[in-house]
Amino acid sequence: MPSTPADFRRLALALAETEQRRHMNHPDFRVAGKIFATLGYPDKRHGMVKLSPTQQEEFVARAPAAFSPVAGAWGRKGCTSVLLGKAPKRALKEALVAAWRNHAPAELALAGLERKSAHRRGKR
C-alpha cells in the first residue's frame, strides 16, 4: 500500500525524542536538534530522508520508483528523495528509522534497538 504525507509524519513522530519543526518553508523532523527527514520538498508528494550513501543505494535498488538521490552534493552524501505514492509503508518506515538512527545520539539509538529486539522477542 502506498504511503501518504500523513503516514510520513506519523512514522517520523513515532520515533523517540523526535520533534517537528520548519526549515526552508517545509516541515522537518529532528532528533537531538539534527534534521533526519523533511516533508513536502520539492513538492507535497515527496519526503526526504538523510541516509548514508550505502543505505541510499540499498533503498534505491529495492524500490527505485519510490527512492532516488536528491540532486547534487546532498544526494551524493545520502540525502534521498521519497515519492510517497510509490513508497510501500514498510519501506518508508525502514528508511525513516535508518535516518533517525544515523542522527540520534548513540545511547538513544542503542536504546531504540534494544526496545525493538525486546518487542520482537515478545511477539514470538
N, C-alpha and C. Protein backbone atom coordinates (compact mmCIF):
# COMPACT_ATOMS: atom_id res chain seq x y z
N MET A 1 0.85 -1.18 0.00
CA MET A 1 0.00 0.00 0.00
C MET A 1 0.90 1.25 0.00
N PRO A 2 0.65 2.21 -0.87
CA PRO A 2 1.49 3.41 -0.95
C PRO A 2 1.35 4.29 0.29
N SER A 3 2.37 5.09 0.51
CA SER A 3 2.41 5.99 1.67
C SER A 3 1.85 7.35 1.34
N THR A 4 1.46 8.07 2.38
CA THR A 4 0.94 9.42 2.25
C THR A 4 1.77 10.37 3.11
N PRO A 5 1.62 11.68 2.91
CA PRO A 5 2.30 12.62 3.81
C PRO A 5 1.91 12.40 5.27
N ALA A 6 0.67 12.04 5.54
CA ALA A 6 0.24 11.76 6.92
C ALA A 6 0.98 10.55 7.48
N ASP A 7 1.20 9.52 6.66
CA ASP A 7 1.98 8.35 7.10
C ASP A 7 3.40 8.77 7.45
N PHE A 8 4.01 9.57 6.57
CA PHE A 8 5.38 10.03 6.78
C PHE A 8 5.48 10.74 8.13
N ARG A 9 4.58 11.69 8.36
CA ARG A 9 4.59 12.48 9.61
C ARG A 9 4.38 11.56 10.82
N ARG A 10 3.39 10.68 10.76
CA ARG A 10 3.09 9.78 11.87
C ARG A 10 4.27 8.87 12.19
N LEU A 11 4.88 8.28 11.16
CA LEU A 11 6.00 7.37 11.37
C LEU A 11 7.21 8.11 11.93
N ALA A 12 7.48 9.30 11.41
CA ALA A 12 8.63 10.07 11.90
C ALA A 12 8.43 10.47 13.36
N LEU A 13 7.24 10.95 13.69
CA LEU A 13 6.99 11.42 15.06
C LEU A 13 6.88 10.27 16.06
N ALA A 14 6.71 9.05 15.59
CA ALA A 14 6.66 7.90 16.49
C ALA A 14 8.05 7.51 17.00
N LEU A 15 9.09 8.02 16.37
CA LEU A 15 10.46 7.70 16.79
C LEU A 15 10.83 8.52 18.03
N ALA A 16 11.52 7.89 18.95
CA ALA A 16 11.84 8.51 20.24
C ALA A 16 12.50 9.87 20.10
N GLU A 17 12.01 10.79 20.91
CA GLU A 17 12.58 12.14 21.03
C GLU A 17 12.62 12.91 19.71
N THR A 18 11.70 12.60 18.82
CA THR A 18 11.61 13.32 17.55
C THR A 18 10.68 14.50 17.71
N GLU A 19 11.07 15.61 17.12
CA GLU A 19 10.20 16.79 17.11
C GLU A 19 10.09 17.30 15.68
N GLN A 20 8.95 17.92 15.41
CA GLN A 20 8.72 18.52 14.10
C GLN A 20 8.95 20.01 14.21
N ARG A 21 9.70 20.55 13.26
CA ARG A 21 9.92 21.99 13.14
C ARG A 21 9.72 22.37 11.67
N ARG A 22 10.08 23.60 11.34
CA ARG A 22 10.01 24.05 9.94
C ARG A 22 11.40 24.49 9.51
N HIS A 23 11.72 24.18 8.26
CA HIS A 23 13.01 24.56 7.68
C HIS A 23 12.77 24.82 6.20
N MET A 24 13.17 25.98 5.73
CA MET A 24 13.03 26.31 4.31
C MET A 24 11.57 26.15 3.84
N ASN A 25 10.63 26.56 4.67
CA ASN A 25 9.20 26.56 4.35
C ASN A 25 8.57 25.18 4.20
N HIS A 26 9.15 24.17 4.81
CA HIS A 26 8.50 22.86 4.84
C HIS A 26 8.83 22.17 6.17
N PRO A 27 8.01 21.22 6.59
CA PRO A 27 8.24 20.54 7.87
C PRO A 27 9.51 19.71 7.83
N ASP A 28 10.22 19.72 8.95
CA ASP A 28 11.35 18.81 9.10
C ASP A 28 11.18 18.05 10.41
N PHE A 29 11.93 16.97 10.53
CA PHE A 29 11.86 16.11 11.70
C PHE A 29 13.27 15.97 12.24
N ARG A 30 13.39 16.20 13.57
CA ARG A 30 14.71 16.26 14.20
C ARG A 30 14.78 15.36 15.41
N VAL A 31 15.98 14.86 15.64
CA VAL A 31 16.31 14.16 16.87
C VAL A 31 17.59 14.82 17.38
N ALA A 32 17.60 15.18 18.65
CA ALA A 32 18.73 15.88 19.26
C ALA A 32 19.10 17.13 18.45
N GLY A 33 18.09 17.79 17.90
CA GLY A 33 18.31 19.01 17.14
C GLY A 33 18.81 18.81 15.72
N LYS A 34 19.02 17.58 15.30
CA LYS A 34 19.55 17.29 13.96
C LYS A 34 18.43 16.82 13.04
N ILE A 35 18.36 17.42 11.87
CA ILE A 35 17.36 17.03 10.87
C ILE A 35 17.71 15.65 10.31
N PHE A 36 16.73 14.74 10.35
CA PHE A 36 16.94 13.44 9.73
C PHE A 36 15.95 13.20 8.59
N ALA A 37 14.91 14.04 8.49
CA ALA A 37 13.92 13.88 7.42
C ALA A 37 13.17 15.19 7.22
N THR A 38 12.66 15.39 6.01
CA THR A 38 11.81 16.53 5.71
C THR A 38 10.61 16.04 4.91
N LEU A 39 9.58 16.85 4.92
CA LEU A 39 8.34 16.51 4.22
C LEU A 39 7.94 17.67 3.33
N GLY A 40 7.46 17.37 2.14
CA GLY A 40 6.94 18.42 1.26
C GLY A 40 7.98 19.13 0.43
N TYR A 41 9.09 18.49 0.17
CA TYR A 41 10.09 19.09 -0.70
C TYR A 41 10.54 18.06 -1.72
N PRO A 42 10.57 18.37 -2.98
CA PRO A 42 10.31 19.66 -3.60
C PRO A 42 8.83 19.99 -3.75
N ASP A 43 7.94 19.01 -3.46
CA ASP A 43 6.50 19.27 -3.51
C ASP A 43 5.82 18.36 -2.49
N LYS A 44 4.52 18.50 -2.36
CA LYS A 44 3.79 17.77 -1.33
C LYS A 44 3.75 16.26 -1.54
N ARG A 45 4.15 15.80 -2.72
CA ARG A 45 4.16 14.36 -3.00
C ARG A 45 5.43 13.67 -2.49
N HIS A 46 6.40 14.45 -2.01
CA HIS A 46 7.72 13.92 -1.64
C HIS A 46 8.07 14.14 -0.17
N GLY A 47 8.97 13.31 0.28
CA GLY A 47 9.67 13.47 1.54
C GLY A 47 11.15 13.26 1.26
N MET A 48 11.98 13.46 2.28
CA MET A 48 13.41 13.24 2.14
C MET A 48 13.91 12.62 3.43
N VAL A 49 14.79 11.63 3.31
CA VAL A 49 15.44 11.02 4.46
C VAL A 49 16.95 11.14 4.28
N LYS A 50 17.64 11.40 5.38
CA LYS A 50 19.10 11.55 5.34
C LYS A 50 19.75 10.22 5.69
N LEU A 51 20.05 9.47 4.66
CA LEU A 51 20.67 8.16 4.79
C LEU A 51 22.17 8.27 4.55
N SER A 52 22.89 7.20 4.79
CA SER A 52 24.28 7.12 4.35
C SER A 52 24.26 6.77 2.86
N PRO A 53 25.34 7.02 2.14
CA PRO A 53 25.34 6.63 0.72
C PRO A 53 25.08 5.13 0.51
N THR A 54 25.59 4.30 1.40
CA THR A 54 25.35 2.85 1.29
C THR A 54 23.89 2.52 1.52
N GLN A 55 23.29 3.11 2.54
CA GLN A 55 21.86 2.89 2.79
C GLN A 55 21.04 3.37 1.60
N GLN A 56 21.41 4.52 1.07
CA GLN A 56 20.70 5.08 -0.08
C GLN A 56 20.71 4.08 -1.24
N GLU A 57 21.88 3.54 -1.53
CA GLU A 57 21.99 2.54 -2.61
C GLU A 57 21.03 1.38 -2.40
N GLU A 58 20.95 0.91 -1.15
CA GLU A 58 20.10 -0.24 -0.84
C GLU A 58 18.62 0.09 -1.06
N PHE A 59 18.18 1.27 -0.59
CA PHE A 59 16.78 1.64 -0.76
C PHE A 59 16.45 1.89 -2.23
N VAL A 60 17.34 2.54 -2.95
CA VAL A 60 17.10 2.80 -4.38
C VAL A 60 17.02 1.48 -5.15
N ALA A 61 17.90 0.54 -4.82
CA ALA A 61 17.89 -0.75 -5.50
C ALA A 61 16.61 -1.53 -5.20
N ARG A 62 16.15 -1.43 -3.97
CA ARG A 62 14.96 -2.18 -3.54
C ARG A 62 13.67 -1.60 -4.08
N ALA A 63 13.58 -0.28 -4.16
CA ALA A 63 12.34 0.37 -4.60
C ALA A 63 12.67 1.62 -5.43
N PRO A 64 13.17 1.43 -6.65
CA PRO A 64 13.62 2.57 -7.47
C PRO A 64 12.50 3.54 -7.86
N ALA A 65 11.27 3.10 -7.88
CA ALA A 65 10.18 4.02 -8.20
C ALA A 65 9.89 4.95 -7.03
N ALA A 66 10.29 4.55 -5.82
CA ALA A 66 9.99 5.32 -4.62
C ALA A 66 11.17 6.15 -4.13
N PHE A 67 12.39 5.63 -4.22
CA PHE A 67 13.57 6.27 -3.65
C PHE A 67 14.54 6.69 -4.75
N SER A 68 15.08 7.90 -4.60
CA SER A 68 16.10 8.37 -5.53
C SER A 68 16.98 9.40 -4.82
N PRO A 69 18.26 9.49 -5.21
CA PRO A 69 19.12 10.50 -4.60
C PRO A 69 18.60 11.90 -4.94
N VAL A 70 18.68 12.83 -3.99
CA VAL A 70 18.35 14.21 -4.32
C VAL A 70 19.46 14.74 -5.22
N ALA A 71 19.20 15.82 -5.90
CA ALA A 71 20.18 16.37 -6.85
C ALA A 71 21.41 16.90 -6.14
N GLY A 72 22.54 16.81 -6.81
CA GLY A 72 23.76 17.47 -6.36
C GLY A 72 24.49 16.78 -5.22
N ALA A 73 25.28 17.59 -4.51
CA ALA A 73 26.15 17.08 -3.45
C ALA A 73 25.38 16.45 -2.30
N TRP A 74 24.22 17.02 -1.96
CA TRP A 74 23.43 16.43 -0.88
C TRP A 74 23.04 15.00 -1.22
N GLY A 75 22.67 14.76 -2.44
CA GLY A 75 22.31 13.42 -2.86
C GLY A 75 23.49 12.47 -2.82
N ARG A 76 24.67 12.96 -3.19
CA ARG A 76 25.87 12.11 -3.14
C ARG A 76 26.24 11.78 -1.70
N LYS A 77 25.81 12.61 -0.74
CA LYS A 77 26.09 12.35 0.68
C LYS A 77 25.02 11.46 1.32
N GLY A 78 23.96 11.10 0.57
CA GLY A 78 22.97 10.17 1.09
C GLY A 78 21.56 10.72 1.22
N CYS A 79 21.37 12.03 1.02
CA CYS A 79 20.00 12.57 1.09
C CYS A 79 19.17 11.93 -0.02
N THR A 80 18.06 11.36 0.38
CA THR A 80 17.28 10.52 -0.51
C THR A 80 15.84 11.00 -0.59
N SER A 81 15.38 11.25 -1.79
CA SER A 81 14.01 11.67 -2.03
C SER A 81 13.09 10.46 -2.00
N VAL A 82 11.91 10.64 -1.42
CA VAL A 82 10.92 9.57 -1.34
C VAL A 82 9.65 10.05 -2.05
N LEU A 83 9.27 9.40 -3.12
CA LEU A 83 8.00 9.67 -3.79
C LEU A 83 6.95 8.87 -3.03
N LEU A 84 6.19 9.56 -2.20
CA LEU A 84 5.33 8.90 -1.23
C LEU A 84 4.31 7.96 -1.85
N GLY A 85 3.72 8.33 -2.95
CA GLY A 85 2.71 7.49 -3.58
C GLY A 85 3.24 6.18 -4.12
N LYS A 86 4.56 6.07 -4.23
CA LYS A 86 5.20 4.84 -4.72
C LYS A 86 5.91 4.06 -3.62
N ALA A 87 6.00 4.65 -2.42
CA ALA A 87 6.76 4.04 -1.33
C ALA A 87 5.85 3.14 -0.48
N PRO A 88 6.14 1.84 -0.44
CA PRO A 88 5.40 0.97 0.47
C PRO A 88 5.62 1.46 1.91
N LYS A 89 4.60 1.36 2.74
CA LYS A 89 4.70 1.86 4.12
C LYS A 89 5.85 1.21 4.87
N ARG A 90 6.05 -0.06 4.67
CA ARG A 90 7.14 -0.75 5.38
C ARG A 90 8.50 -0.17 4.98
N ALA A 91 8.71 0.06 3.68
CA ALA A 91 9.98 0.63 3.22
C ALA A 91 10.16 2.06 3.74
N LEU A 92 9.08 2.84 3.75
CA LEU A 92 9.16 4.19 4.29
C LEU A 92 9.55 4.16 5.76
N LYS A 93 8.92 3.29 6.52
CA LYS A 93 9.25 3.18 7.95
C LYS A 93 10.71 2.78 8.13
N GLU A 94 11.18 1.82 7.37
CA GLU A 94 12.58 1.38 7.47
C GLU A 94 13.54 2.51 7.12
N ALA A 95 13.21 3.31 6.12
CA ALA A 95 14.07 4.44 5.73
C ALA A 95 14.08 5.51 6.82
N LEU A 96 12.93 5.81 7.39
CA LEU A 96 12.86 6.80 8.47
C LEU A 96 13.63 6.33 9.69
N VAL A 97 13.50 5.06 10.04
CA VAL A 97 14.24 4.53 11.19
C VAL A 97 15.74 4.60 10.93
N ALA A 98 16.17 4.24 9.73
CA ALA A 98 17.60 4.30 9.40
C ALA A 98 18.11 5.74 9.50
N ALA A 99 17.37 6.68 8.95
CA ALA A 99 17.78 8.09 9.01
C ALA A 99 17.82 8.57 10.46
N TRP A 100 16.81 8.20 11.25
CA TRP A 100 16.76 8.58 12.66
C TRP A 100 17.99 8.05 13.39
N ARG A 101 18.30 6.78 13.18
CA ARG A 101 19.47 6.17 13.85
C ARG A 101 20.77 6.85 13.44
N ASN A 102 20.84 7.30 12.19
CA ASN A 102 22.04 7.99 11.72
C ASN A 102 22.29 9.29 12.47
N HIS A 103 21.23 9.89 13.02
CA HIS A 103 21.36 11.22 13.62
C HIS A 103 21.08 11.26 15.12
N ALA A 104 20.52 10.19 15.66
CA ALA A 104 20.24 10.13 17.10
C ALA A 104 21.54 9.95 17.87
N PRO A 105 21.61 10.50 19.09
CA PRO A 105 22.77 10.21 19.94
C PRO A 105 22.91 8.70 20.11
N ALA A 106 24.13 8.23 20.22
CA ALA A 106 24.39 6.79 20.26
C ALA A 106 23.58 6.07 21.33
N GLU A 107 23.49 6.65 22.54
CA GLU A 107 22.77 5.96 23.61
C GLU A 107 21.28 5.86 23.31
N LEU A 108 20.72 6.86 22.64
CA LEU A 108 19.30 6.82 22.26
C LEU A 108 19.07 5.80 21.15
N ALA A 109 19.94 5.80 20.15
CA ALA A 109 19.81 4.85 19.04
C ALA A 109 19.94 3.42 19.55
N LEU A 110 20.89 3.19 20.47
CA LEU A 110 21.08 1.86 21.04
C LEU A 110 19.86 1.45 21.86
N ALA A 111 19.32 2.37 22.65
CA ALA A 111 18.12 2.07 23.44
C ALA A 111 16.97 1.71 22.52
N GLY A 112 16.85 2.41 21.39
CA GLY A 112 15.80 2.10 20.42
C GLY A 112 15.96 0.70 19.86
N LEU A 113 17.20 0.31 19.59
CA LEU A 113 17.46 -1.04 19.09
C LEU A 113 17.12 -2.08 20.14
N GLU A 114 17.47 -1.80 21.40
CA GLU A 114 17.18 -2.75 22.47
C GLU A 114 15.67 -2.93 22.65
N ARG A 115 14.91 -1.83 22.59
CA ARG A 115 13.45 -1.92 22.73
C ARG A 115 12.88 -2.73 21.58
N LYS A 116 13.39 -2.51 20.37
CA LYS A 116 12.89 -3.22 19.21
C LYS A 116 13.16 -4.72 19.35
N SER A 117 14.35 -5.09 19.81
CA SER A 117 14.68 -6.51 19.98
C SER A 117 13.79 -7.14 21.03
N ALA A 118 13.56 -6.46 22.13
CA ALA A 118 12.70 -6.99 23.19
C ALA A 118 11.27 -7.15 22.67
N HIS A 119 10.81 -6.19 21.88
CA HIS A 119 9.46 -6.25 21.30
C HIS A 119 9.34 -7.47 20.39
N ARG A 120 10.35 -7.69 19.57
CA ARG A 120 10.32 -8.85 18.66
C ARG A 120 10.29 -10.16 19.44
N ARG A 121 11.10 -10.25 20.52
CA ARG A 121 11.11 -11.47 21.32
C ARG A 121 9.74 -11.73 21.93
N GLY A 122 9.06 -10.66 22.34
CA GLY A 122 7.74 -10.79 22.94
C GLY A 122 6.68 -11.25 21.96
N LYS A 123 6.88 -11.01 20.67
CA LYS A 123 5.90 -11.40 19.65
C LYS A 123 6.04 -12.85 19.22
N ARG A 124 7.15 -13.47 19.54
CA ARG A 124 7.37 -14.84 19.08
C ARG A 124 6.61 -15.84 19.87
